Each structure stands twice: as structure tokens, then as C-alpha cells.
Amino acid sequence: MGGRAVSHWRGLDVSASATATPEAPKTVPKRGDKEESRKYRRNVFSPADWVKHRSTGRYMRHINTMLTSGNVASLLGPSLATAGLATFLEFIEIGQASNLIPNWPSNFGDLTPLPFTITGASLSLLLVFRTNASYGRWDEARKMWGLMVSCFRSPCL
């Protein structure tokens, strides 16, 4: 093996060169820059990592670190804005129903459902096309994986 020590775990090469990550940057990438920070992450689990990942204490570990998650941080602003707007509109509706606020703008019952119908139909078509494209990619990957497995097994026969 060229004079270097290689450890194998279930047939996978988990040597230092296979699990090495690039040198850490001098400045930490911004939190929202996911693609830039991706190259500094490990991409191979070691057996000890799998044991930690599959432990029963992982649920509490995930709950405790949820607020430091990049996904939660990126979704927190839009979620709070949407919740705030919905709360504001509900207060207006409650105020108008109890005659504390004048009926301005007029009741929302006067709105026509046509924009929602058209938007809903177009969004459902978009969702169907994205789902079909996703399934197509998955099916192609499954076929390629099966072909690779059969090619690897054919020399053994």
C-alpha cells in the first residue's frame, strides 16, 4: 500500500487520506454560506461516529443543539415574520368583530376566491413536476447502483 498504514472497516478505505479535510480557514465562513463551509466538514463516519450517532441520547443532544442549528437560524426570521403578520391580522379581525376597530378595510368576506384558486392550481402542478423530476433522479441513481453492483459481482462468478 505504498508504505502508509491503511485501516479497513467493512471493506472501506478509511485511511487518513480518505477522511482528511482541507485546512481550516483563518476566518470562519458566515453562517448562511453553507456551500463554502461544506468543504470543511467530514464526509466519512468512523465506527465511533456511528456509535455516537445511533445512541439513544442523540434525541436530547439534538434538542439541546437545535437553537444553534443553521437550518433553524435560517428559517427563524421568515417564520417569525409570518407568525407576526398572522397575529396582527387576527387582532384586526377580532377588533372588527367586537366593534373596537371600525370595519376598514371592509370584511375579507368580500374577496373573490379566484386568485387563490388559480395560484393553488399552478402550485399543485409545480409540485407534481418537481416530485416527478425527483423520482426520476432517484430511479436513475437506483439503476446505476444496481449496474455497478452487478459489474462488481461479475468477476466473482
N, C-alpha and C. Protein backbone atom coordinates (compact mmCIF):
# COMPACT_ATOMS: atom_id res chain seq x y z
N MET A 1 0.82 -1.20 0.00
CA MET A 1 0.00 0.00 0.00
C MET A 1 0.86 1.25 0.00
N GLY A 2 2.03 1.17 -0.53
CA GLY A 2 2.84 2.37 -0.68
C GLY A 2 3.47 2.84 0.61
N GLY A 3 3.63 1.97 1.61
CA GLY A 3 4.31 2.35 2.83
C GLY A 3 3.46 3.10 3.83
N ARG A 4 2.17 3.32 3.55
CA ARG A 4 1.34 4.02 4.53
C ARG A 4 0.37 3.04 5.16
N ALA A 5 0.04 3.30 6.38
CA ALA A 5 -0.87 2.41 7.10
C ALA A 5 -2.30 2.70 6.68
N VAL A 6 -3.01 1.66 6.33
CA VAL A 6 -4.39 1.80 5.90
C VAL A 6 -5.24 0.91 6.79
N SER A 7 -6.27 1.47 7.36
CA SER A 7 -7.19 0.65 8.14
C SER A 7 -8.45 0.44 7.32
N HIS A 8 -8.96 -0.75 7.37
CA HIS A 8 -10.17 -1.07 6.62
C HIS A 8 -11.28 -1.39 7.59
N TRP A 9 -12.45 -0.87 7.31
CA TRP A 9 -13.63 -1.15 8.11
C TRP A 9 -14.73 -1.55 7.15
N ARG A 10 -15.08 -2.81 7.18
CA ARG A 10 -16.09 -3.37 6.28
C ARG A 10 -15.74 -3.11 4.81
N GLY A 11 -14.48 -3.22 4.50
CA GLY A 11 -14.05 -3.10 3.11
C GLY A 11 -13.88 -1.68 2.62
N LEU A 12 -14.13 -0.67 3.44
CA LEU A 12 -13.98 0.71 3.02
C LEU A 12 -12.64 1.25 3.46
N ASP A 13 -12.00 2.00 2.60
CA ASP A 13 -10.72 2.60 2.93
C ASP A 13 -10.99 3.83 3.78
N VAL A 14 -10.65 3.76 5.05
CA VAL A 14 -10.84 4.90 5.94
C VAL A 14 -9.49 5.40 6.42
N SER A 15 -8.54 5.42 5.49
CA SER A 15 -7.21 5.90 5.84
C SER A 15 -7.24 7.40 6.05
N ALA A 16 -6.13 7.93 6.48
CA ALA A 16 -6.06 9.37 6.77
C ALA A 16 -6.31 10.19 5.52
N SER A 17 -5.86 9.71 4.36
CA SER A 17 -6.07 10.48 3.14
C SER A 17 -7.53 10.47 2.70
N ALA A 18 -8.25 9.39 3.03
CA ALA A 18 -9.65 9.31 2.62
C ALA A 18 -10.54 10.18 3.49
N THR A 19 -10.16 10.41 4.75
CA THR A 19 -11.01 11.19 5.64
C THR A 19 -10.46 12.58 5.90
N ALA A 20 -9.37 12.93 5.26
CA ALA A 20 -8.76 14.23 5.51
C ALA A 20 -9.65 15.35 5.00
N THR A 21 -9.71 16.42 5.74
CA THR A 21 -10.46 17.59 5.32
C THR A 21 -9.47 18.70 5.01
N PRO A 22 -9.87 19.67 4.20
CA PRO A 22 -8.96 20.77 3.90
C PRO A 22 -8.60 21.54 5.16
N GLU A 23 -7.52 22.27 5.06
CA GLU A 23 -7.05 23.07 6.20
C GLU A 23 -8.14 24.07 6.58
N ALA A 24 -8.37 24.22 7.87
CA ALA A 24 -9.41 25.14 8.35
C ALA A 24 -9.05 26.57 7.95
N PRO A 25 -10.05 27.36 7.58
CA PRO A 25 -9.77 28.72 7.15
C PRO A 25 -9.37 29.60 8.32
N LYS A 26 -8.68 30.70 7.98
CA LYS A 26 -8.29 31.66 9.01
C LYS A 26 -9.52 32.38 9.57
N THR A 27 -10.47 32.66 8.70
CA THR A 27 -11.73 33.27 9.14
C THR A 27 -12.84 32.25 8.95
N VAL A 28 -13.73 32.19 9.89
CA VAL A 28 -14.83 31.26 9.82
C VAL A 28 -15.83 31.76 8.80
N PRO A 29 -16.30 30.88 7.88
CA PRO A 29 -17.30 31.32 6.91
C PRO A 29 -18.58 31.77 7.61
N LYS A 30 -19.29 32.67 6.95
CA LYS A 30 -20.54 33.16 7.51
C LYS A 30 -21.51 32.01 7.69
N ARG A 31 -22.41 32.16 8.64
CA ARG A 31 -23.35 31.09 8.98
C ARG A 31 -24.23 30.72 7.80
N GLY A 32 -24.64 31.68 7.01
CA GLY A 32 -25.53 31.40 5.90
C GLY A 32 -24.83 30.84 4.67
N ASP A 33 -23.50 30.83 4.66
CA ASP A 33 -22.76 30.38 3.50
C ASP A 33 -22.53 28.88 3.60
N LYS A 34 -23.55 28.09 3.30
CA LYS A 34 -23.50 26.65 3.51
C LYS A 34 -22.52 25.98 2.56
N GLU A 35 -22.51 26.40 1.31
CA GLU A 35 -21.66 25.74 0.33
C GLU A 35 -20.19 25.99 0.61
N GLU A 36 -19.87 27.17 1.11
CA GLU A 36 -18.47 27.49 1.42
C GLU A 36 -17.98 26.66 2.60
N SER A 37 -18.82 26.45 3.60
CA SER A 37 -18.39 25.71 4.78
C SER A 37 -18.46 24.20 4.58
N ARG A 38 -19.09 23.75 3.50
CA ARG A 38 -19.26 22.31 3.27
C ARG A 38 -17.92 21.60 3.10
N LYS A 39 -16.93 22.24 2.50
CA LYS A 39 -15.67 21.56 2.25
C LYS A 39 -14.85 21.35 3.53
N TYR A 40 -15.24 21.98 4.63
CA TYR A 40 -14.53 21.79 5.89
C TYR A 40 -15.19 20.75 6.79
N ARG A 41 -16.24 20.12 6.30
CA ARG A 41 -16.93 19.11 7.08
C ARG A 41 -16.36 17.73 6.76
N ARG A 42 -16.46 16.83 7.72
CA ARG A 42 -16.07 15.45 7.44
C ARG A 42 -17.15 14.81 6.60
N ASN A 43 -16.75 13.93 5.69
CA ASN A 43 -17.74 13.29 4.85
C ASN A 43 -17.79 11.78 5.07
N VAL A 44 -17.00 11.25 5.99
CA VAL A 44 -16.99 9.82 6.26
C VAL A 44 -17.16 9.61 7.76
N PHE A 45 -18.11 8.77 8.13
CA PHE A 45 -18.30 8.41 9.54
C PHE A 45 -17.33 7.30 9.90
N SER A 46 -16.69 7.41 11.02
CA SER A 46 -15.89 6.31 11.55
C SER A 46 -16.82 5.44 12.40
N PRO A 47 -16.38 4.24 12.77
CA PRO A 47 -17.25 3.40 13.62
C PRO A 47 -17.64 4.09 14.93
N ALA A 48 -16.71 4.86 15.51
CA ALA A 48 -17.05 5.57 16.75
C ALA A 48 -18.11 6.64 16.49
N ASP A 49 -18.05 7.29 15.31
CA ASP A 49 -19.06 8.29 14.97
C ASP A 49 -20.43 7.64 14.82
N TRP A 50 -20.47 6.43 14.23
CA TRP A 50 -21.74 5.75 14.06
C TRP A 50 -22.32 5.35 15.41
N VAL A 51 -21.47 4.93 16.34
CA VAL A 51 -21.96 4.56 17.67
C VAL A 51 -22.57 5.79 18.35
N LYS A 52 -21.89 6.93 18.23
CA LYS A 52 -22.42 8.17 18.82
C LYS A 52 -23.72 8.58 18.12
N HIS A 53 -23.74 8.44 16.80
CA HIS A 53 -24.91 8.85 16.03
C HIS A 53 -26.13 7.99 16.36
N ARG A 54 -25.94 6.71 16.59
CA ARG A 54 -27.05 5.80 16.85
C ARG A 54 -27.39 5.64 18.33
N SER A 55 -26.74 6.39 19.22
CA SER A 55 -27.01 6.24 20.64
C SER A 55 -28.40 6.77 20.99
N THR A 56 -28.94 6.29 22.09
CA THR A 56 -30.28 6.73 22.49
C THR A 56 -30.27 8.15 23.04
N GLY A 57 -29.12 8.65 23.42
CA GLY A 57 -29.03 10.02 23.92
C GLY A 57 -29.00 11.06 22.83
N ARG A 58 -29.06 10.62 21.56
CA ARG A 58 -28.96 11.59 20.46
C ARG A 58 -30.17 12.51 20.41
N TYR A 59 -31.32 12.06 20.89
CA TYR A 59 -32.50 12.90 20.83
C TYR A 59 -32.34 14.14 21.72
N MET A 60 -31.87 13.94 22.92
CA MET A 60 -31.65 15.09 23.81
C MET A 60 -30.51 15.97 23.28
N ARG A 61 -29.48 15.35 22.69
CA ARG A 61 -28.38 16.13 22.13
C ARG A 61 -28.90 17.00 20.98
N HIS A 62 -29.78 16.47 20.17
CA HIS A 62 -30.33 17.23 19.05
C HIS A 62 -31.24 18.35 19.55
N ILE A 63 -32.04 18.07 20.58
CA ILE A 63 -32.92 19.11 21.12
C ILE A 63 -32.10 20.22 21.75
N ASN A 64 -31.03 19.86 22.48
CA ASN A 64 -30.20 20.87 23.13
C ASN A 64 -29.44 21.74 22.13
N THR A 65 -29.11 21.22 20.97
CA THR A 65 -28.35 21.98 19.98
C THR A 65 -29.23 22.54 18.87
N MET A 66 -30.55 22.44 19.02
CA MET A 66 -31.44 22.89 17.97
C MET A 66 -31.33 24.39 17.70
N LEU A 67 -31.17 25.19 18.74
CA LEU A 67 -31.12 26.64 18.54
C LEU A 67 -29.82 27.09 17.89
N THR A 68 -28.80 26.26 17.89
CA THR A 68 -27.55 26.62 17.21
C THR A 68 -27.50 26.04 15.79
N SER A 69 -28.56 25.39 15.37
CA SER A 69 -28.61 24.79 14.04
C SER A 69 -28.69 25.86 12.97
N GLY A 70 -27.99 25.64 11.87
CA GLY A 70 -28.05 26.57 10.75
C GLY A 70 -29.41 26.58 10.08
N ASN A 71 -30.07 25.42 10.03
CA ASN A 71 -31.40 25.35 9.43
C ASN A 71 -32.41 26.16 10.23
N VAL A 72 -32.38 25.99 11.55
CA VAL A 72 -33.31 26.74 12.40
C VAL A 72 -33.01 28.23 12.30
N ALA A 73 -31.74 28.60 12.30
CA ALA A 73 -31.39 30.02 12.21
C ALA A 73 -31.84 30.63 10.89
N SER A 74 -31.74 29.88 9.80
CA SER A 74 -32.14 30.43 8.51
C SER A 74 -33.66 30.50 8.36
N LEU A 75 -34.41 29.66 9.07
CA LEU A 75 -35.86 29.67 8.97
C LEU A 75 -36.54 30.50 10.04
N LEU A 76 -35.79 30.92 11.05
CA LEU A 76 -36.39 31.63 12.17
C LEU A 76 -36.96 32.99 11.76
N GLY A 77 -36.24 33.76 10.97
CA GLY A 77 -36.71 35.08 10.55
C GLY A 77 -38.00 35.03 9.75
N PRO A 78 -38.05 34.26 8.65
CA PRO A 78 -39.29 34.19 7.89
C PRO A 78 -40.46 33.61 8.69
N SER A 79 -40.18 32.65 9.57
CA SER A 79 -41.25 32.06 10.38
C SER A 79 -41.82 33.07 11.37
N LEU A 80 -40.94 33.83 12.01
CA LEU A 80 -41.42 34.86 12.95
C LEU A 80 -42.17 35.97 12.23
N ALA A 81 -41.72 36.35 11.04
CA ALA A 81 -42.42 37.38 10.27
C ALA A 81 -43.81 36.90 9.88
N THR A 82 -43.93 35.67 9.42
CA THR A 82 -45.23 35.13 9.04
C THR A 82 -46.15 35.02 10.25
N ALA A 83 -45.62 34.54 11.38
CA ALA A 83 -46.43 34.42 12.60
C ALA A 83 -46.86 35.80 13.09
N GLY A 84 -45.97 36.78 13.01
CA GLY A 84 -46.31 38.13 13.43
C GLY A 84 -47.41 38.75 12.58
N LEU A 85 -47.31 38.57 11.25
CA LEU A 85 -48.33 39.09 10.35
C LEU A 85 -49.67 38.41 10.60
N ALA A 86 -49.67 37.09 10.80
CA ALA A 86 -50.92 36.37 11.06
C ALA A 86 -51.54 36.82 12.37
N THR A 87 -50.70 37.05 13.40
CA THR A 87 -51.21 37.53 14.69
C THR A 87 -51.81 38.91 14.55
N PHE A 88 -51.13 39.80 13.82
CA PHE A 88 -51.64 41.16 13.60
C PHE A 88 -52.99 41.13 12.88
N LEU A 89 -53.10 40.32 11.83
CA LEU A 89 -54.37 40.24 11.10
C LEU A 89 -55.48 39.64 11.96
N GLU A 90 -55.13 38.70 12.82
CA GLU A 90 -56.14 38.12 13.70
C GLU A 90 -56.63 39.14 14.72
N PHE A 91 -55.73 39.98 15.24
CA PHE A 91 -56.15 41.04 16.16
C PHE A 91 -57.07 42.04 15.47
N ILE A 92 -56.77 42.36 14.22
CA ILE A 92 -57.65 43.26 13.47
C ILE A 92 -59.03 42.61 13.30
N GLU A 93 -59.05 41.35 12.95
CA GLU A 93 -60.31 40.65 12.74
C GLU A 93 -61.12 40.57 14.04
N ILE A 94 -60.46 40.29 15.16
CA ILE A 94 -61.15 40.23 16.46
C ILE A 94 -61.65 41.61 16.84
N GLY A 95 -60.85 42.64 16.60
CA GLY A 95 -61.28 44.01 16.91
C GLY A 95 -62.47 44.44 16.08
N GLN A 96 -62.50 44.06 14.81
CA GLN A 96 -63.64 44.40 13.97
C GLN A 96 -64.89 43.62 14.39
N ALA A 97 -64.73 42.37 14.79
CA ALA A 97 -65.88 41.57 15.20
C ALA A 97 -66.49 42.09 16.49
N SER A 98 -65.67 42.65 17.38
CA SER A 98 -66.19 43.17 18.65
C SER A 98 -66.45 44.68 18.58
N ASN A 99 -66.42 45.27 17.40
CA ASN A 99 -66.68 46.70 17.15
C ASN A 99 -65.72 47.62 17.90
N LEU A 100 -64.51 47.16 18.20
CA LEU A 100 -63.49 48.03 18.79
C LEU A 100 -62.71 48.77 17.72
N ILE A 101 -62.65 48.21 16.53
CA ILE A 101 -61.97 48.81 15.39
C ILE A 101 -63.01 48.95 14.28
N PRO A 102 -63.04 50.09 13.60
CA PRO A 102 -64.01 50.22 12.50
C PRO A 102 -63.70 49.22 11.39
N ASN A 103 -64.73 48.90 10.62
CA ASN A 103 -64.58 47.92 9.55
C ASN A 103 -63.83 48.53 8.37
N TRP A 104 -62.58 48.79 8.58
CA TRP A 104 -61.71 49.20 7.48
C TRP A 104 -60.48 48.35 7.49
N PRO A 105 -60.03 47.73 6.50
CA PRO A 105 -60.75 47.61 5.23
C PRO A 105 -62.01 46.78 5.42
N SER A 106 -62.82 46.75 4.38
CA SER A 106 -64.09 46.04 4.52
C SER A 106 -63.82 44.58 4.85
N ASN A 107 -64.83 43.89 5.27
CA ASN A 107 -64.67 42.49 5.67
C ASN A 107 -64.00 41.69 4.56
N PHE A 108 -63.21 40.73 4.96
CA PHE A 108 -62.49 39.92 3.99
C PHE A 108 -63.43 38.97 3.26
N GLY A 109 -64.67 38.87 3.68
CA GLY A 109 -65.64 38.02 3.01
C GLY A 109 -66.01 38.53 1.63
N ASP A 110 -65.67 39.79 1.34
CA ASP A 110 -65.98 40.37 0.03
C ASP A 110 -64.97 39.97 -1.03
N LEU A 111 -63.89 39.33 -0.64
CA LEU A 111 -62.87 38.95 -1.60
C LEU A 111 -63.32 37.76 -2.43
N THR A 112 -62.92 37.76 -3.67
CA THR A 112 -63.24 36.63 -4.54
C THR A 112 -62.18 35.54 -4.38
N PRO A 113 -62.56 34.28 -4.44
CA PRO A 113 -61.58 33.19 -4.27
C PRO A 113 -60.79 32.87 -5.54
N LEU A 114 -61.03 33.60 -6.63
CA LEU A 114 -60.37 33.30 -7.90
C LEU A 114 -58.84 33.33 -7.83
N PRO A 115 -58.20 34.36 -7.22
CA PRO A 115 -56.73 34.34 -7.18
C PRO A 115 -56.17 33.13 -6.42
N PHE A 116 -56.85 32.73 -5.36
CA PHE A 116 -56.39 31.58 -4.60
C PHE A 116 -56.56 30.29 -5.39
N THR A 117 -57.64 30.20 -6.16
CA THR A 117 -57.88 29.02 -6.98
C THR A 117 -56.82 28.88 -8.06
N ILE A 118 -56.54 29.98 -8.75
CA ILE A 118 -55.53 29.94 -9.82
C ILE A 118 -54.15 29.65 -9.24
N THR A 119 -53.81 30.30 -8.14
CA THR A 119 -52.50 30.08 -7.53
C THR A 119 -52.38 28.66 -7.02
N GLY A 120 -53.44 28.13 -6.41
CA GLY A 120 -53.40 26.76 -5.90
C GLY A 120 -53.21 25.74 -7.01
N ALA A 121 -53.89 25.95 -8.13
CA ALA A 121 -53.75 25.01 -9.25
C ALA A 121 -52.34 25.05 -9.82
N SER A 122 -51.78 26.24 -9.98
CA SER A 122 -50.43 26.32 -10.54
C SER A 122 -49.39 25.76 -9.56
N LEU A 123 -49.58 26.00 -8.28
CA LEU A 123 -48.64 25.44 -7.30
C LEU A 123 -48.72 23.92 -7.24
N SER A 124 -49.92 23.38 -7.39
CA SER A 124 -50.04 21.92 -7.37
C SER A 124 -49.36 21.31 -8.59
N LEU A 125 -49.48 21.94 -9.76
CA LEU A 125 -48.78 21.43 -10.94
C LEU A 125 -47.27 21.51 -10.77
N LEU A 126 -46.80 22.61 -10.20
CA LEU A 126 -45.37 22.76 -9.95
C LEU A 126 -44.88 21.68 -9.00
N LEU A 127 -45.64 21.40 -7.97
CA LEU A 127 -45.27 20.36 -7.01
C LEU A 127 -45.23 18.99 -7.68
N VAL A 128 -46.19 18.70 -8.55
CA VAL A 128 -46.21 17.41 -9.24
C VAL A 128 -44.99 17.28 -10.14
N PHE A 129 -44.64 18.34 -10.89
CA PHE A 129 -43.49 18.26 -11.77
C PHE A 129 -42.20 18.09 -10.99
N ARG A 130 -42.07 18.78 -9.87
CA ARG A 130 -40.85 18.63 -9.06
C ARG A 130 -40.77 17.24 -8.46
N THR A 131 -41.90 16.69 -8.03
CA THR A 131 -41.90 15.34 -7.48
C THR A 131 -41.53 14.31 -8.54
N ASN A 132 -42.06 14.47 -9.75
CA ASN A 132 -41.73 13.54 -10.83
C ASN A 132 -40.26 13.64 -11.20
N ALA A 133 -39.71 14.85 -11.23
CA ALA A 133 -38.29 15.00 -11.54
C ALA A 133 -37.43 14.37 -10.45
N SER A 134 -37.83 14.55 -9.21
CA SER A 134 -37.09 13.96 -8.10
C SER A 134 -37.15 12.45 -8.17
N TYR A 135 -38.31 11.89 -8.44
CA TYR A 135 -38.42 10.44 -8.55
C TYR A 135 -37.59 9.93 -9.73
N GLY A 136 -37.56 10.67 -10.83
CA GLY A 136 -36.75 10.27 -11.98
C GLY A 136 -35.27 10.21 -11.64
N ARG A 137 -34.78 11.19 -10.89
CA ARG A 137 -33.38 11.18 -10.48
C ARG A 137 -33.10 10.01 -9.55
N TRP A 138 -34.01 9.75 -8.61
CA TRP A 138 -33.82 8.63 -7.69
C TRP A 138 -33.82 7.31 -8.44
N ASP A 139 -34.74 7.15 -9.39
CA ASP A 139 -34.82 5.90 -10.14
C ASP A 139 -33.56 5.70 -11.00
N GLU A 140 -33.06 6.76 -11.60
CA GLU A 140 -31.82 6.66 -12.39
C GLU A 140 -30.64 6.28 -11.51
N ALA A 141 -30.56 6.86 -10.32
CA ALA A 141 -29.47 6.51 -9.40
C ALA A 141 -29.60 5.06 -8.94
N ARG A 142 -30.82 4.59 -8.70
CA ARG A 142 -31.02 3.20 -8.29
C ARG A 142 -30.58 2.24 -9.39
N LYS A 143 -30.90 2.57 -10.65
CA LYS A 143 -30.48 1.72 -11.77
C LYS A 143 -28.97 1.71 -11.91
N MET A 144 -28.34 2.87 -11.75
CA MET A 144 -26.88 2.93 -11.85
C MET A 144 -26.22 2.15 -10.73
N TRP A 145 -26.77 2.24 -9.52
CA TRP A 145 -26.22 1.49 -8.39
C TRP A 145 -26.35 -0.02 -8.64
N GLY A 146 -27.48 -0.46 -9.16
CA GLY A 146 -27.66 -1.86 -9.48
C GLY A 146 -26.68 -2.32 -10.55
N LEU A 147 -26.43 -1.48 -11.54
CA LEU A 147 -25.47 -1.81 -12.59
C LEU A 147 -24.06 -1.92 -12.02
N MET A 148 -23.70 -1.00 -11.13
CA MET A 148 -22.37 -1.06 -10.52
C MET A 148 -22.22 -2.32 -9.67
N VAL A 149 -23.23 -2.66 -8.91
CA VAL A 149 -23.17 -3.86 -8.07
C VAL A 149 -23.03 -5.10 -8.94
N SER A 150 -23.79 -5.17 -10.02
CA SER A 150 -23.69 -6.35 -10.90
C SER A 150 -22.34 -6.40 -11.59
N CYS A 151 -21.77 -5.26 -11.96
CA CYS A 151 -20.44 -5.24 -12.57
C CYS A 151 -19.37 -5.69 -11.57
N PHE A 152 -19.51 -5.29 -10.32
CA PHE A 152 -18.54 -5.70 -9.30
C PHE A 152 -18.66 -7.19 -8.98
N ARG A 153 -19.86 -7.73 -9.08
CA ARG A 153 -20.07 -9.13 -8.77
C ARG A 153 -19.70 -10.04 -9.93
N SER A 154 -19.72 -9.55 -11.15
CA SER A 154 -19.47 -10.40 -12.31
C SER A 154 -18.08 -11.02 -12.33
N PRO A 155 -17.00 -10.35 -11.90
CA PRO A 155 -15.70 -11.03 -11.88
C PRO A 155 -15.66 -12.18 -10.88
N CYS A 156 -16.52 -12.14 -9.88
CA CYS A 156 -16.53 -13.20 -8.86
C CYS A 156 -17.20 -14.46 -9.38
N LEU A 157 -18.00 -14.35 -10.41
CA LEU A 157 -18.74 -15.51 -10.93
C LEU A 157 -17.91 -16.36 -11.81
